[in-house]
Amino acid sequence: MEKRYRDRDGRLTIKLEELVALTKEDGLSYYKEGETYRYGTEDRVYVCLEIGEDIIKFISGSNELSIDKHSCGTFLPDIASEGMALTKV
């Protein structure tokens, strides 16, 4: 998959602070409460449990995953570092 804001070797082409600002709205549109996501290469499927004021919580059985709401766009499949994406199932 071709990644936005990355070169052919997977390195960011902009500063992380810029990436966070440029992708926040995309992330907020992508992650929805009640929808399911796979984190990285895990076989486990997480449900988006809550989009709070500062964090987004995902749960899979007894496993919980939280990401910062303001940098949620950095976890999008076409932006995240290898193995760090939250991909809609």
Protein backbone atom coordinates (compact mmCIF):
# COMPACT_ATOMS: atom_id res chain seq x y z
CA MET A 1 0.00 0.00 0.00
CA GLU A 2 1.30 3.43 -0.90
CA LYS A 3 1.60 5.62 2.19
CA ARG A 4 0.84 9.31 2.38
CA TYR A 5 3.58 11.57 3.75
CA ARG A 6 6.24 8.84 3.46
CA ASP A 7 9.05 8.17 1.03
CA ARG A 8 9.69 4.82 -0.69
CA ASP A 9 11.64 3.61 2.35
CA GLY A 10 8.74 4.38 4.71
CA ARG A 11 10.31 7.46 6.31
CA LEU A 12 8.16 10.48 7.04
CA THR A 13 8.57 13.35 4.59
CA ILE A 14 7.19 15.92 7.05
CA LYS A 15 7.58 16.55 10.77
CA LEU A 16 5.44 14.45 13.10
CA GLU A 17 3.71 17.57 14.45
CA GLU A 18 2.65 18.47 10.90
CA LEU A 19 1.42 14.93 10.26
CA VAL A 20 -0.72 15.01 13.40
CA ALA A 21 -2.29 18.31 12.35
CA LEU A 22 -2.86 17.24 8.73
CA THR A 23 -4.45 13.87 9.54
CA LYS A 24 -6.54 14.48 12.68
CA GLU A 25 -9.81 15.10 10.82
CA ASP A 26 -9.25 12.05 8.59
CA GLY A 27 -8.78 9.93 11.70
CA LEU A 28 -11.85 11.32 13.42
CA SER A 29 -13.90 10.48 10.31
CA TYR A 30 -12.45 6.96 10.08
CA TYR A 31 -12.79 5.72 13.67
CA LYS A 32 -16.38 5.22 14.82
CA GLU A 33 -17.79 3.82 18.06
CA GLY A 34 -19.07 0.26 17.61
CA GLU A 35 -17.02 -0.47 14.47
CA THR A 36 -14.27 -3.09 14.39
CA TYR A 37 -10.57 -2.69 13.63
CA ARG A 38 -7.45 -4.83 13.47
CA TYR A 39 -4.26 -3.43 15.02
CA GLY A 40 -1.09 -4.02 13.02
CA THR A 41 -0.67 -7.70 12.24
CA GLU A 42 -2.57 -9.00 15.27
CA ASP A 43 -5.25 -11.62 14.64
CA ARG A 44 -7.34 -9.93 17.31
CA VAL A 45 -10.24 -7.68 16.31
CA TYR A 46 -10.92 -4.60 18.43
CA VAL A 47 -14.22 -2.77 18.82
CA CYS A 48 -14.05 1.00 19.07
CA LEU A 49 -15.58 1.37 22.50
CA GLU A 50 -15.45 5.09 23.13
CA ILE A 51 -14.30 8.30 21.51
CA GLY A 52 -13.62 10.51 24.48
CA GLU A 53 -12.40 14.06 24.83
CA ASP A 54 -8.72 13.07 24.66
CA ILE A 55 -8.51 9.35 23.82
CA ILE A 56 -10.12 6.72 21.65
CA LYS A 57 -10.56 3.35 23.38
CA PHE A 58 -10.68 -0.01 21.63
CA ILE A 59 -11.36 -3.35 23.29
CA SER A 60 -10.89 -6.99 22.34
CA GLY A 61 -11.88 -9.38 25.11
CA SER A 62 -9.72 -8.42 28.07
CA ASN A 63 -7.28 -6.44 25.89
CA GLU A 64 -7.65 -2.69 25.68
CA LEU A 65 -5.96 -0.32 23.29
CA SER A 66 -6.08 3.47 23.60
CA ILE A 67 -4.82 6.11 21.20
CA ASP A 68 -4.58 9.86 21.57
CA LYS A 69 -7.58 11.44 19.85
CA HIS A 70 -5.50 14.34 18.55
CA SER A 71 -3.01 12.06 16.76
CA CYS A 72 -5.50 9.37 15.69
CA GLY A 73 -4.81 10.09 12.00
CA THR A 74 -1.30 8.73 12.40
CA PHE A 75 -2.82 5.24 12.87
CA LEU A 76 -4.66 5.27 9.52
CA PRO A 77 -3.65 2.39 7.22
CA ASP A 78 -2.26 4.67 4.50
CA ILE A 79 -0.25 6.76 6.99
CA ALA A 80 0.90 4.59 9.92
CA SER A 81 4.34 3.10 10.36
CA GLU A 82 4.58 -0.56 9.40
CA GLY A 83 2.66 -2.71 11.89
CA MET A 84 1.03 0.27 13.64
CA ALA A 85 -2.17 0.78 11.63
CA LEU A 86 -5.70 0.34 12.92
CA THR A 87 -7.47 -1.11 9.90
CA LYS A 88 -11.25 -1.28 9.61
CA VAL A 89 -12.53 -4.87 9.41
